[in-house]
Amino acid sequence: MTDLVTGADGLPRCAWGASTPDYAVYHDEEWGRPLRGDDALYERLTLEAFQSGLSWLTILRKRPAFRLAFDEFRIEKVAGYGEADVARLLADAGIVRNRAKVEAAVANARAALALPDGLSALLWSFAPPPRAARPRSFAEVPALTPESTAMAKALKKSGFRFVGPTTAYALMQATGMVDDHLAGCHVAGDRPGA
């Protein structure tokens, strides 16, 4: 597989984005586009944590069930979850049933609720300046950066779980804090300078 492919629709895109119809929609309409808002970013942070050790496609296909199970990822609602909610989530076959990740999602909602300036402000404070040019190949795309390492440390210090530097960088990619669409990909970056 080459790093950039032209799909049946004639559009060049990052190869992973052309591998399945689900990925094509996600690649073209969401990945790398700036996302703000505490609840929206809490959803992405939670899904990235659940993805750890699994394929993103698994999480993407389960996202409607996750949204239903986690009350549309409303931070205030999830922060109030108790043991009965954890048991309900662990019994829900529509999501990934991992106790540590479910408990982390609840703890992370509580930690997000306690942030003085909100989750969006904290996360975006680690967004690096736009690159001069997009990467030409996947080999140029890092798994983590100094910014994602700093973000992970700040999140952990604030009580968040399942947020290592690699997860933080995946979040940065998914929410447009960095633009890792390859050079030549038809998706135009929405960040200034991208």
N, C-alpha and C. Protein backbone atom coordinates (compact mmCIF):
# COMPACT_ATOMS: atom_id res chain seq x y z
N MET A 1 0.85 -1.18 0.00
CA MET A 1 0.00 0.00 0.00
C MET A 1 0.90 1.24 0.00
N THR A 2 0.65 2.15 -0.91
CA THR A 2 1.39 3.40 -0.90
C THR A 2 0.75 4.33 0.11
N ASP A 3 1.46 5.38 0.48
CA ASP A 3 0.98 6.27 1.52
C ASP A 3 -0.18 7.16 1.07
N LEU A 4 -0.24 7.46 -0.22
CA LEU A 4 -1.30 8.29 -0.78
C LEU A 4 -1.93 7.50 -1.92
N VAL A 5 -3.24 7.38 -1.93
CA VAL A 5 -3.91 6.62 -2.99
C VAL A 5 -5.05 7.45 -3.57
N THR A 6 -5.39 7.13 -4.80
CA THR A 6 -6.53 7.77 -5.44
C THR A 6 -7.70 6.80 -5.38
N GLY A 7 -8.79 7.25 -4.80
CA GLY A 7 -9.96 6.40 -4.64
C GLY A 7 -10.78 6.28 -5.91
N ALA A 8 -11.81 5.46 -5.84
CA ALA A 8 -12.72 5.28 -6.97
C ALA A 8 -13.40 6.59 -7.34
N ASP A 9 -13.46 7.52 -6.38
CA ASP A 9 -14.07 8.83 -6.64
C ASP A 9 -13.09 9.81 -7.30
N GLY A 10 -11.85 9.33 -7.55
CA GLY A 10 -10.85 10.16 -8.21
C GLY A 10 -10.11 11.10 -7.28
N LEU A 11 -10.38 11.03 -5.98
CA LEU A 11 -9.74 11.94 -5.02
C LEU A 11 -8.54 11.28 -4.35
N PRO A 12 -7.41 11.98 -4.32
CA PRO A 12 -6.25 11.44 -3.60
C PRO A 12 -6.45 11.63 -2.10
N ARG A 13 -6.15 10.58 -1.34
CA ARG A 13 -6.28 10.68 0.11
C ARG A 13 -5.23 9.80 0.78
N CYS A 14 -5.02 10.05 2.06
CA CYS A 14 -4.13 9.21 2.85
C CYS A 14 -4.63 7.77 2.73
N ALA A 15 -3.72 6.83 2.54
CA ALA A 15 -4.10 5.45 2.24
C ALA A 15 -5.04 4.85 3.27
N TRP A 16 -4.81 5.13 4.57
CA TRP A 16 -5.70 4.55 5.58
C TRP A 16 -7.13 5.04 5.38
N GLY A 17 -7.29 6.26 4.88
CA GLY A 17 -8.60 6.84 4.66
C GLY A 17 -9.34 6.26 3.47
N ALA A 18 -8.63 5.49 2.66
CA ALA A 18 -9.26 4.86 1.50
C ALA A 18 -9.47 3.36 1.71
N SER A 19 -9.13 2.87 2.89
CA SER A 19 -9.15 1.42 3.11
C SER A 19 -10.54 0.84 3.34
N THR A 20 -11.47 1.62 3.90
CA THR A 20 -12.86 1.17 4.09
C THR A 20 -13.77 2.38 3.91
N PRO A 21 -15.04 2.17 3.59
CA PRO A 21 -15.97 3.30 3.50
C PRO A 21 -16.08 4.09 4.81
N ASP A 22 -16.04 3.39 5.95
CA ASP A 22 -16.11 4.08 7.26
C ASP A 22 -14.93 5.02 7.42
N TYR A 23 -13.74 4.52 7.08
CA TYR A 23 -12.56 5.35 7.19
C TYR A 23 -12.60 6.52 6.21
N ALA A 24 -13.12 6.31 5.01
CA ALA A 24 -13.17 7.39 4.02
C ALA A 24 -14.00 8.56 4.54
N VAL A 25 -15.14 8.27 5.11
CA VAL A 25 -16.00 9.34 5.65
C VAL A 25 -15.30 10.03 6.81
N TYR A 26 -14.74 9.24 7.73
CA TYR A 26 -14.04 9.82 8.89
C TYR A 26 -12.85 10.66 8.43
N HIS A 27 -12.05 10.13 7.52
CA HIS A 27 -10.88 10.84 6.99
C HIS A 27 -11.29 12.15 6.33
N ASP A 28 -12.31 12.09 5.48
CA ASP A 28 -12.69 13.25 4.68
C ASP A 28 -13.45 14.31 5.48
N GLU A 29 -14.23 13.90 6.47
CA GLU A 29 -15.13 14.84 7.15
C GLU A 29 -14.75 15.21 8.58
N GLU A 30 -13.91 14.40 9.23
CA GLU A 30 -13.62 14.67 10.64
C GLU A 30 -12.14 14.78 10.97
N TRP A 31 -11.36 13.77 10.62
CA TRP A 31 -9.99 13.66 11.08
C TRP A 31 -9.16 14.87 10.63
N GLY A 32 -8.52 15.50 11.58
CA GLY A 32 -7.67 16.65 11.27
C GLY A 32 -8.40 17.98 11.19
N ARG A 33 -9.71 17.97 11.41
CA ARG A 33 -10.46 19.23 11.38
C ARG A 33 -10.56 19.77 12.80
N PRO A 34 -10.30 21.05 12.99
CA PRO A 34 -10.33 21.61 14.34
C PRO A 34 -11.67 21.38 15.03
N LEU A 35 -11.57 20.86 16.24
CA LEU A 35 -12.73 20.57 17.06
C LEU A 35 -12.54 21.25 18.41
N ARG A 36 -13.55 21.98 18.80
CA ARG A 36 -13.51 22.65 20.11
C ARG A 36 -14.79 22.32 20.85
N GLY A 37 -14.80 22.64 22.11
CA GLY A 37 -15.95 22.38 22.96
C GLY A 37 -15.62 21.25 23.94
N ASP A 38 -15.92 21.48 25.20
CA ASP A 38 -15.53 20.53 26.24
C ASP A 38 -16.13 19.14 26.02
N ASP A 39 -17.43 19.06 25.76
CA ASP A 39 -18.06 17.75 25.60
C ASP A 39 -17.54 17.04 24.35
N ALA A 40 -17.39 17.77 23.26
CA ALA A 40 -16.89 17.17 22.01
C ALA A 40 -15.47 16.62 22.19
N LEU A 41 -14.63 17.37 22.88
CA LEU A 41 -13.26 16.92 23.09
C LEU A 41 -13.20 15.80 24.13
N TYR A 42 -14.10 15.83 25.11
CA TYR A 42 -14.18 14.73 26.07
C TYR A 42 -14.55 13.43 25.34
N GLU A 43 -15.47 13.52 24.39
CA GLU A 43 -15.82 12.33 23.61
C GLU A 43 -14.60 11.78 22.90
N ARG A 44 -13.87 12.63 22.21
CA ARG A 44 -12.70 12.16 21.45
C ARG A 44 -11.62 11.60 22.37
N LEU A 45 -11.39 12.27 23.50
CA LEU A 45 -10.41 11.79 24.47
C LEU A 45 -10.81 10.41 24.99
N THR A 46 -12.09 10.24 25.28
CA THR A 46 -12.59 8.96 25.79
C THR A 46 -12.45 7.87 24.73
N LEU A 47 -12.83 8.17 23.50
CA LEU A 47 -12.73 7.16 22.44
C LEU A 47 -11.28 6.80 22.15
N GLU A 48 -10.38 7.78 22.18
CA GLU A 48 -8.96 7.47 21.97
C GLU A 48 -8.46 6.54 23.07
N ALA A 49 -8.90 6.76 24.30
CA ALA A 49 -8.49 5.88 25.41
C ALA A 49 -9.05 4.48 25.22
N PHE A 50 -10.30 4.37 24.80
CA PHE A 50 -10.89 3.05 24.55
C PHE A 50 -10.19 2.35 23.40
N GLN A 51 -9.65 3.10 22.45
CA GLN A 51 -8.99 2.51 21.29
C GLN A 51 -7.69 1.82 21.66
N SER A 52 -7.07 2.23 22.74
CA SER A 52 -5.78 1.68 23.13
C SER A 52 -5.79 0.15 23.07
N GLY A 53 -4.94 -0.41 22.21
CA GLY A 53 -4.85 -1.85 22.04
C GLY A 53 -5.82 -2.43 21.02
N LEU A 54 -6.64 -1.59 20.44
CA LEU A 54 -7.63 -2.03 19.45
C LEU A 54 -7.46 -1.22 18.17
N SER A 55 -8.20 -1.58 17.14
CA SER A 55 -8.15 -0.78 15.92
C SER A 55 -9.12 0.40 16.05
N TRP A 56 -8.77 1.50 15.41
CA TRP A 56 -9.65 2.66 15.45
C TRP A 56 -10.97 2.33 14.74
N LEU A 57 -10.92 1.47 13.74
CA LEU A 57 -12.13 1.09 13.02
C LEU A 57 -13.15 0.44 13.96
N THR A 58 -12.68 -0.36 14.90
CA THR A 58 -13.57 -0.97 15.89
C THR A 58 -14.29 0.12 16.68
N ILE A 59 -13.55 1.10 17.13
CA ILE A 59 -14.14 2.19 17.93
C ILE A 59 -15.07 3.03 17.07
N LEU A 60 -14.66 3.33 15.86
CA LEU A 60 -15.47 4.13 14.95
C LEU A 60 -16.83 3.48 14.70
N ARG A 61 -16.82 2.19 14.49
CA ARG A 61 -18.07 1.47 14.24
C ARG A 61 -18.94 1.35 15.48
N LYS A 62 -18.34 1.42 16.65
CA LYS A 62 -19.09 1.35 17.91
C LYS A 62 -19.46 2.75 18.44
N ARG A 63 -19.04 3.79 17.76
CA ARG A 63 -19.26 5.15 18.27
C ARG A 63 -20.72 5.46 18.55
N PRO A 64 -21.68 5.08 17.70
CA PRO A 64 -23.08 5.36 18.05
C PRO A 64 -23.49 4.70 19.38
N ALA A 65 -23.04 3.48 19.61
CA ALA A 65 -23.35 2.79 20.86
C ALA A 65 -22.66 3.47 22.05
N PHE A 66 -21.42 3.92 21.84
CA PHE A 66 -20.71 4.66 22.89
C PHE A 66 -21.48 5.94 23.25
N ARG A 67 -21.92 6.66 22.23
CA ARG A 67 -22.65 7.91 22.49
C ARG A 67 -23.92 7.66 23.29
N LEU A 68 -24.63 6.62 22.94
CA LEU A 68 -25.84 6.26 23.66
C LEU A 68 -25.51 5.85 25.10
N ALA A 69 -24.52 5.00 25.26
CA ALA A 69 -24.14 4.48 26.58
C ALA A 69 -23.62 5.57 27.51
N PHE A 70 -22.91 6.55 26.96
CA PHE A 70 -22.29 7.60 27.76
C PHE A 70 -23.06 8.93 27.67
N ASP A 71 -24.37 8.87 27.48
CA ASP A 71 -25.19 10.09 27.48
C ASP A 71 -24.63 11.18 26.59
N GLU A 72 -24.27 10.80 25.35
CA GLU A 72 -23.73 11.74 24.36
C GLU A 72 -22.46 12.44 24.85
N PHE A 73 -21.77 11.80 25.80
CA PHE A 73 -20.51 12.32 26.34
C PHE A 73 -20.66 13.70 26.99
N ARG A 74 -21.80 13.93 27.60
CA ARG A 74 -21.98 15.17 28.36
C ARG A 74 -21.19 15.02 29.67
N ILE A 75 -20.18 15.84 29.81
CA ILE A 75 -19.25 15.73 30.94
C ILE A 75 -19.99 15.75 32.27
N GLU A 76 -20.89 16.69 32.45
CA GLU A 76 -21.61 16.80 33.72
C GLU A 76 -22.37 15.52 34.05
N LYS A 77 -22.98 14.94 33.04
CA LYS A 77 -23.76 13.71 33.24
C LYS A 77 -22.84 12.54 33.61
N VAL A 78 -21.77 12.34 32.84
CA VAL A 78 -20.87 11.21 33.09
C VAL A 78 -20.14 11.38 34.41
N ALA A 79 -19.82 12.60 34.80
CA ALA A 79 -19.13 12.84 36.07
C ALA A 79 -19.99 12.37 37.26
N GLY A 80 -21.29 12.32 37.08
CA GLY A 80 -22.19 11.88 38.14
C GLY A 80 -22.44 10.38 38.16
N TYR A 81 -21.82 9.64 37.27
CA TYR A 81 -22.02 8.19 37.22
C TYR A 81 -21.52 7.54 38.51
N GLY A 82 -22.26 6.53 38.94
CA GLY A 82 -21.87 5.74 40.11
C GLY A 82 -21.61 4.31 39.72
N GLU A 83 -21.53 3.44 40.70
CA GLU A 83 -21.22 2.03 40.46
C GLU A 83 -22.27 1.34 39.60
N ALA A 84 -23.54 1.74 39.74
CA ALA A 84 -24.60 1.14 38.93
C ALA A 84 -24.39 1.48 37.45
N ASP A 85 -23.91 2.69 37.18
CA ASP A 85 -23.64 3.08 35.79
C ASP A 85 -22.45 2.30 35.24
N VAL A 86 -21.43 2.11 36.06
CA VAL A 86 -20.27 1.33 35.63
C VAL A 86 -20.71 -0.09 35.30
N ALA A 87 -21.55 -0.67 36.15
CA ALA A 87 -22.06 -2.03 35.89
C ALA A 87 -22.88 -2.06 34.61
N ARG A 88 -23.70 -1.04 34.38
CA ARG A 88 -24.50 -0.95 33.15
C ARG A 88 -23.60 -0.90 31.93
N LEU A 89 -22.54 -0.11 31.99
CA LEU A 89 -21.62 0.01 30.87
C LEU A 89 -20.87 -1.30 30.62
N LEU A 90 -20.49 -1.98 31.68
CA LEU A 90 -19.76 -3.24 31.53
C LEU A 90 -20.65 -4.35 30.97
N ALA A 91 -21.96 -4.17 31.06
CA ALA A 91 -22.90 -5.15 30.50
C ALA A 91 -23.33 -4.80 29.08
N ASP A 92 -22.90 -3.64 28.57
CA ASP A 92 -23.33 -3.16 27.26
C ASP A 92 -22.43 -3.74 26.16
N ALA A 93 -22.95 -4.71 25.42
CA ALA A 93 -22.16 -5.36 24.36
C ALA A 93 -21.88 -4.44 23.18
N GLY A 94 -22.54 -3.29 23.12
CA GLY A 94 -22.34 -2.36 22.02
C GLY A 94 -21.05 -1.56 22.12
N ILE A 95 -20.45 -1.54 23.32
CA ILE A 95 -19.21 -0.79 23.52
C ILE A 95 -18.09 -1.75 23.88
N VAL A 96 -16.91 -1.22 24.10
CA VAL A 96 -15.79 -2.01 24.58
C VAL A 96 -15.95 -2.13 26.09
N ARG A 97 -16.07 -3.35 26.57
CA ARG A 97 -16.33 -3.57 27.99
C ARG A 97 -15.03 -3.89 28.73
N ASN A 98 -14.36 -2.84 29.12
CA ASN A 98 -13.10 -2.95 29.84
C ASN A 98 -13.24 -2.09 31.09
N ARG A 99 -13.21 -2.73 32.26
CA ARG A 99 -13.46 -2.01 33.52
C ARG A 99 -12.52 -0.82 33.70
N ALA A 100 -11.23 -1.02 33.47
CA ALA A 100 -10.28 0.08 33.68
C ALA A 100 -10.60 1.27 32.78
N LYS A 101 -10.98 1.00 31.54
CA LYS A 101 -11.29 2.09 30.61
C LYS A 101 -12.62 2.76 30.95
N VAL A 102 -13.61 1.96 31.36
CA VAL A 102 -14.90 2.55 31.77
C VAL A 102 -14.70 3.43 33.00
N GLU A 103 -13.98 2.93 33.99
CA GLU A 103 -13.73 3.71 35.20
C GLU A 103 -12.90 4.96 34.89
N ALA A 104 -11.97 4.84 33.95
CA ALA A 104 -11.18 6.01 33.54
C ALA A 104 -12.07 7.05 32.88
N ALA A 105 -13.03 6.62 32.06
CA ALA A 105 -13.95 7.57 31.41
C ALA A 105 -14.72 8.38 32.44
N VAL A 106 -15.17 7.72 33.50
CA VAL A 106 -15.91 8.42 34.56
C VAL A 106 -14.97 9.35 35.32
N ALA A 107 -13.80 8.85 35.69
CA ALA A 107 -12.82 9.68 36.40
C ALA A 107 -12.41 10.88 35.54
N ASN A 108 -12.26 10.67 34.24
CA ASN A 108 -11.86 11.76 33.34
C ASN A 108 -12.95 12.82 33.23
N ALA A 109 -14.21 12.41 33.28
CA ALA A 109 -15.30 13.39 33.26
C ALA A 109 -15.24 14.24 34.52
N ARG A 110 -14.99 13.61 35.64
CA ARG A 110 -14.88 14.36 36.90
C ARG A 110 -13.69 15.31 36.86
N ALA A 111 -12.57 14.84 36.32
CA ALA A 111 -11.38 15.69 36.20
C ALA A 111 -11.64 16.85 35.25
N ALA A 112 -12.35 16.60 34.15
CA ALA A 112 -12.67 17.67 33.19
C ALA A 112 -13.57 18.71 33.83
N LEU A 113 -14.52 18.25 34.62
CA LEU A 113 -15.45 19.15 35.29
C LEU A 113 -14.71 20.08 36.26
N ALA A 114 -13.62 19.61 36.82
CA ALA A 114 -12.86 20.38 37.80
C ALA A 114 -11.87 21.37 37.18
N LEU A 115 -11.66 21.30 35.88
CA LEU A 115 -10.70 22.21 35.24
C LEU A 115 -11.24 23.64 35.27
N PRO A 116 -10.46 24.59 35.77
CA PRO A 116 -10.97 25.96 35.90
C PRO A 116 -11.35 26.63 34.58
N ASP A 117 -10.60 26.35 33.51
CA ASP A 117 -10.89 26.98 32.23
C ASP A 117 -11.53 26.03 31.22
N GLY A 118 -11.81 24.80 31.64
CA GLY A 118 -12.45 23.83 30.77
C GLY A 118 -11.45 22.97 30.02
N LEU A 119 -11.94 21.86 29.52
CA LEU A 119 -11.11 20.88 28.83
C LEU A 119 -10.59 21.41 27.50
N SER A 120 -11.44 22.09 26.74
CA SER A 120 -11.03 22.59 25.43
C SER A 120 -9.85 23.54 25.55
N ALA A 121 -9.92 24.46 26.51
CA ALA A 121 -8.83 25.42 26.69
C ALA A 121 -7.53 24.72 27.07
N LEU A 122 -7.63 23.73 27.95
CA LEU A 122 -6.42 23.01 28.36
C LEU A 122 -5.81 22.27 27.16
N LEU A 123 -6.62 21.49 26.46
CA LEU A 123 -6.08 20.70 25.35
C LEU A 123 -5.49 21.58 24.25
N TRP A 124 -6.21 22.61 23.86
CA TRP A 124 -5.73 23.47 22.76
C TRP A 124 -4.51 24.29 23.16
N SER A 125 -4.25 24.42 24.46
CA SER A 125 -3.05 25.16 24.88
C SER A 125 -1.77 24.42 24.47
N PHE A 126 -1.89 23.15 24.11
CA PHE A 126 -0.73 22.36 23.70
C PHE A 126 -0.60 22.23 22.19
N ALA A 127 -1.50 22.82 21.43
CA ALA A 127 -1.43 22.74 19.97
C ALA A 127 -0.17 23.46 19.48
N PRO A 128 0.66 22.77 18.72
CA PRO A 128 1.87 23.41 18.20
C PRO A 128 1.53 24.35 17.04
N PRO A 129 2.46 25.22 16.69
CA PRO A 129 2.23 26.04 15.50
C PRO A 129 2.13 25.14 14.28
N PRO A 130 1.38 25.57 13.27
CA PRO A 130 1.27 24.74 12.05
C PRO A 130 2.65 24.51 11.41
N ARG A 131 2.81 23.34 10.82
CA ARG A 131 4.05 23.03 10.09
C ARG A 131 4.14 23.87 8.83
N ALA A 132 5.35 24.01 8.35
CA ALA A 132 5.56 24.73 7.09
C ALA A 132 5.01 23.92 5.92
N ALA A 133 5.04 22.60 6.04
CA ALA A 133 4.55 21.72 4.97
C ALA A 133 3.99 20.44 5.59
N ARG A 134 3.06 19.84 4.89
CA ARG A 134 2.50 18.57 5.34
C ARG A 134 3.52 17.45 5.18
N PRO A 135 3.38 16.38 5.95
CA PRO A 135 4.27 15.24 5.76
C PRO A 135 4.06 14.62 4.37
N ARG A 136 5.14 14.10 3.80
CA ARG A 136 5.04 13.48 2.46
C ARG A 136 4.77 11.98 2.55
N SER A 137 5.02 11.40 3.73
CA SER A 137 4.80 9.96 3.92
C SER A 137 4.46 9.70 5.38
N PHE A 138 3.93 8.51 5.64
CA PHE A 138 3.62 8.14 7.02
C PHE A 138 4.88 8.07 7.87
N ALA A 139 6.02 7.81 7.24
CA ALA A 139 7.28 7.74 7.97
C ALA A 139 7.63 9.09 8.61
N GLU A 140 7.10 10.18 8.09
CA GLU A 140 7.35 11.51 8.64
C GLU A 140 6.37 11.88 9.75
N VAL A 141 5.37 11.05 9.99
CA VAL A 141 4.36 11.34 11.00
C VAL A 141 4.79 10.71 12.33
N PRO A 142 4.98 11.53 13.35
CA PRO A 142 5.44 10.98 14.63
C PRO A 142 4.32 10.26 15.39
N ALA A 143 4.70 9.43 16.34
CA ALA A 143 3.73 8.78 17.22
C ALA A 143 3.47 9.63 18.45
N LEU A 144 4.44 10.48 18.77
CA LEU A 144 4.30 11.41 19.89
C LEU A 144 5.24 12.57 19.65
N THR A 145 4.99 13.66 20.34
CA THR A 145 5.79 14.87 20.19
C THR A 145 6.02 15.48 21.57
N PRO A 146 6.89 16.47 21.66
CA PRO A 146 7.04 17.15 22.95
C PRO A 146 5.71 17.74 23.44
N GLU A 147 4.90 18.24 22.50
CA GLU A 147 3.61 18.82 22.89
C GLU A 147 2.65 17.75 23.42
N SER A 148 2.62 16.58 22.76
CA SER A 148 1.71 15.52 23.24
C SER A 148 2.20 14.96 24.57
N THR A 149 3.50 14.93 24.77
CA THR A 149 4.05 14.49 26.05
C THR A 149 3.67 15.47 27.15
N ALA A 150 3.78 16.76 26.86
CA ALA A 150 3.40 17.78 27.84
C ALA A 150 1.89 17.73 28.12
N MET A 151 1.09 17.51 27.08
CA MET A 151 -0.35 17.41 27.27
C MET A 151 -0.68 16.24 28.18
N ALA A 152 -0.08 15.08 27.91
CA ALA A 152 -0.34 13.89 28.73
C ALA A 152 0.03 14.14 30.18
N LYS A 153 1.17 14.79 30.41
CA LYS A 153 1.60 15.08 31.79
C LYS A 153 0.60 16.01 32.48
N ALA A 154 0.14 17.04 31.77
CA ALA A 154 -0.82 17.99 32.36
C ALA A 154 -2.15 17.29 32.66
N LEU A 155 -2.59 16.42 31.77
CA LEU A 155 -3.83 15.69 32.00
C LEU A 155 -3.70 14.76 33.20
N LYS A 156 -2.61 14.03 33.27
CA LYS A 156 -2.40 13.13 34.41
C LYS A 156 -2.34 13.91 35.72
N LYS A 157 -1.67 15.05 35.69
CA LYS A 157 -1.57 15.89 36.89
C LYS A 157 -2.96 16.36 37.33
N SER A 158 -3.87 16.52 36.38
CA SER A 158 -5.23 16.96 36.68
C SER A 158 -6.16 15.79 37.03
N GLY A 159 -5.63 14.57 37.05
CA GLY A 159 -6.43 13.42 37.46
C GLY A 159 -6.96 12.55 36.34
N PHE A 160 -6.55 12.81 35.11
CA PHE A 160 -7.01 12.01 33.97
C PHE A 160 -6.24 10.69 33.91
N ARG A 161 -6.89 9.66 33.36
CA ARG A 161 -6.28 8.34 33.20
C ARG A 161 -6.33 7.93 31.72
N PHE A 162 -5.50 6.96 31.36
CA PHE A 162 -5.41 6.44 29.99
C PHE A 162 -5.10 7.56 28.99
N VAL A 163 -4.16 8.40 29.33
CA VAL A 163 -3.82 9.54 28.46
C VAL A 163 -2.30 9.68 28.34
N GLY A 164 -1.67 8.68 27.79
CA GLY A 164 -0.24 8.76 27.55
C GLY A 164 0.07 9.65 26.37
N PRO A 165 1.35 9.90 26.11
CA PRO A 165 1.76 10.79 25.01
C PRO A 165 1.29 10.34 23.63
N THR A 166 1.23 9.01 23.39
CA THR A 166 0.77 8.53 22.09
C THR A 166 -0.72 8.77 21.92
N THR A 167 -1.49 8.49 22.97
CA THR A 167 -2.94 8.77 22.93
C THR A 167 -3.17 10.26 22.76
N ALA A 168 -2.38 11.08 23.46
CA ALA A 168 -2.52 12.53 23.34
C ALA A 168 -2.22 12.98 21.91
N TYR A 169 -1.21 12.38 21.27
CA TYR A 169 -0.91 12.79 19.89
C TYR A 169 -2.02 12.35 18.93
N ALA A 170 -2.56 11.16 19.14
CA ALA A 170 -3.68 10.71 18.31
C ALA A 170 -4.86 11.67 18.46
N LEU A 171 -5.08 12.15 19.67
CA LEU A 171 -6.14 13.13 19.91
C LEU A 171 -5.84 14.43 19.15
N MET A 172 -4.59 14.86 19.19
CA MET A 172 -4.20 16.08 18.49
C MET A 172 -4.44 15.94 16.98
N GLN A 173 -4.14 14.77 16.43
CA GLN A 173 -4.38 14.52 15.01
C GLN A 173 -5.87 14.54 14.70
N ALA A 174 -6.63 13.83 15.51
CA ALA A 174 -8.07 13.67 15.25
C ALA A 174 -8.83 14.97 15.36
N THR A 175 -8.36 15.88 16.21
CA THR A 175 -9.11 17.11 16.48
C THR A 175 -8.50 18.35 15.84
N GLY A 176 -7.58 18.16 14.92
CA GLY A 176 -7.06 19.27 14.14
C GLY A 176 -6.04 20.14 14.84
N MET A 177 -5.52 19.69 15.98
CA MET A 177 -4.45 20.45 16.63
C MET A 177 -3.17 20.34 15.82
N VAL A 178 -3.06 19.25 15.06
CA VAL A 178 -2.00 19.08 14.07
C VAL A 178 -2.68 18.59 12.79
N ASP A 179 -2.07 18.85 11.67
CA ASP A 179 -2.60 18.40 10.38
C ASP A 179 -1.64 17.37 9.81
N ASP A 180 -2.00 16.11 9.97
CA ASP A 180 -1.14 15.04 9.44
C ASP A 180 -1.70 14.41 8.17
N HIS A 181 -2.62 15.10 7.50
CA HIS A 181 -2.98 14.64 6.15
C HIS A 181 -1.72 14.80 5.30
N LEU A 182 -1.45 13.81 4.49
CA LEU A 182 -0.22 13.85 3.69
C LEU A 182 -0.30 14.90 2.58
N ALA A 183 0.87 15.35 2.16
CA ALA A 183 0.95 16.27 1.02
C ALA A 183 0.28 15.60 -0.17
N GLY A 184 -0.60 16.31 -0.83
CA GLY A 184 -1.31 15.76 -1.98
C GLY A 184 -2.69 15.23 -1.64
N CYS A 185 -2.97 15.04 -0.35
CA CYS A 185 -4.30 14.57 0.06
C CYS A 185 -5.31 15.67 -0.25
N HIS A 186 -6.49 15.27 -0.71
CA HIS A 186 -7.49 16.26 -1.13
C HIS A 186 -8.09 17.03 0.04
N VAL A 187 -7.95 16.52 1.27
CA VAL A 187 -8.51 17.22 2.43
C VAL A 187 -7.61 18.40 2.76
N ALA A 188 -8.17 19.58 2.69
CA ALA A 188 -7.41 20.79 2.99
C ALA A 188 -7.44 21.03 4.50
N GLY A 189 -6.31 21.40 5.05
CA GLY A 189 -6.26 21.72 6.48
C GLY A 189 -7.06 22.96 6.78
N ASP A 190 -7.68 22.97 7.96
CA ASP A 190 -8.49 24.11 8.38
C ASP A 190 -7.75 25.02 9.35
N ARG A 191 -6.56 24.64 9.77
CA ARG A 191 -5.79 25.49 10.68
C ARG A 191 -5.03 26.52 9.85
N PRO A 192 -4.88 27.72 10.35
CA PRO A 192 -4.07 28.70 9.62
C PRO A 192 -2.68 28.15 9.35
N GLY A 193 -2.22 28.33 8.15
CA GLY A 193 -0.88 27.86 7.78
C GLY A 193 -0.83 26.41 7.36
N ALA A 194 -1.96 25.70 7.45
CA ALA A 194 -1.94 24.26 7.12
C ALA A 194 -2.03 24.07 5.63
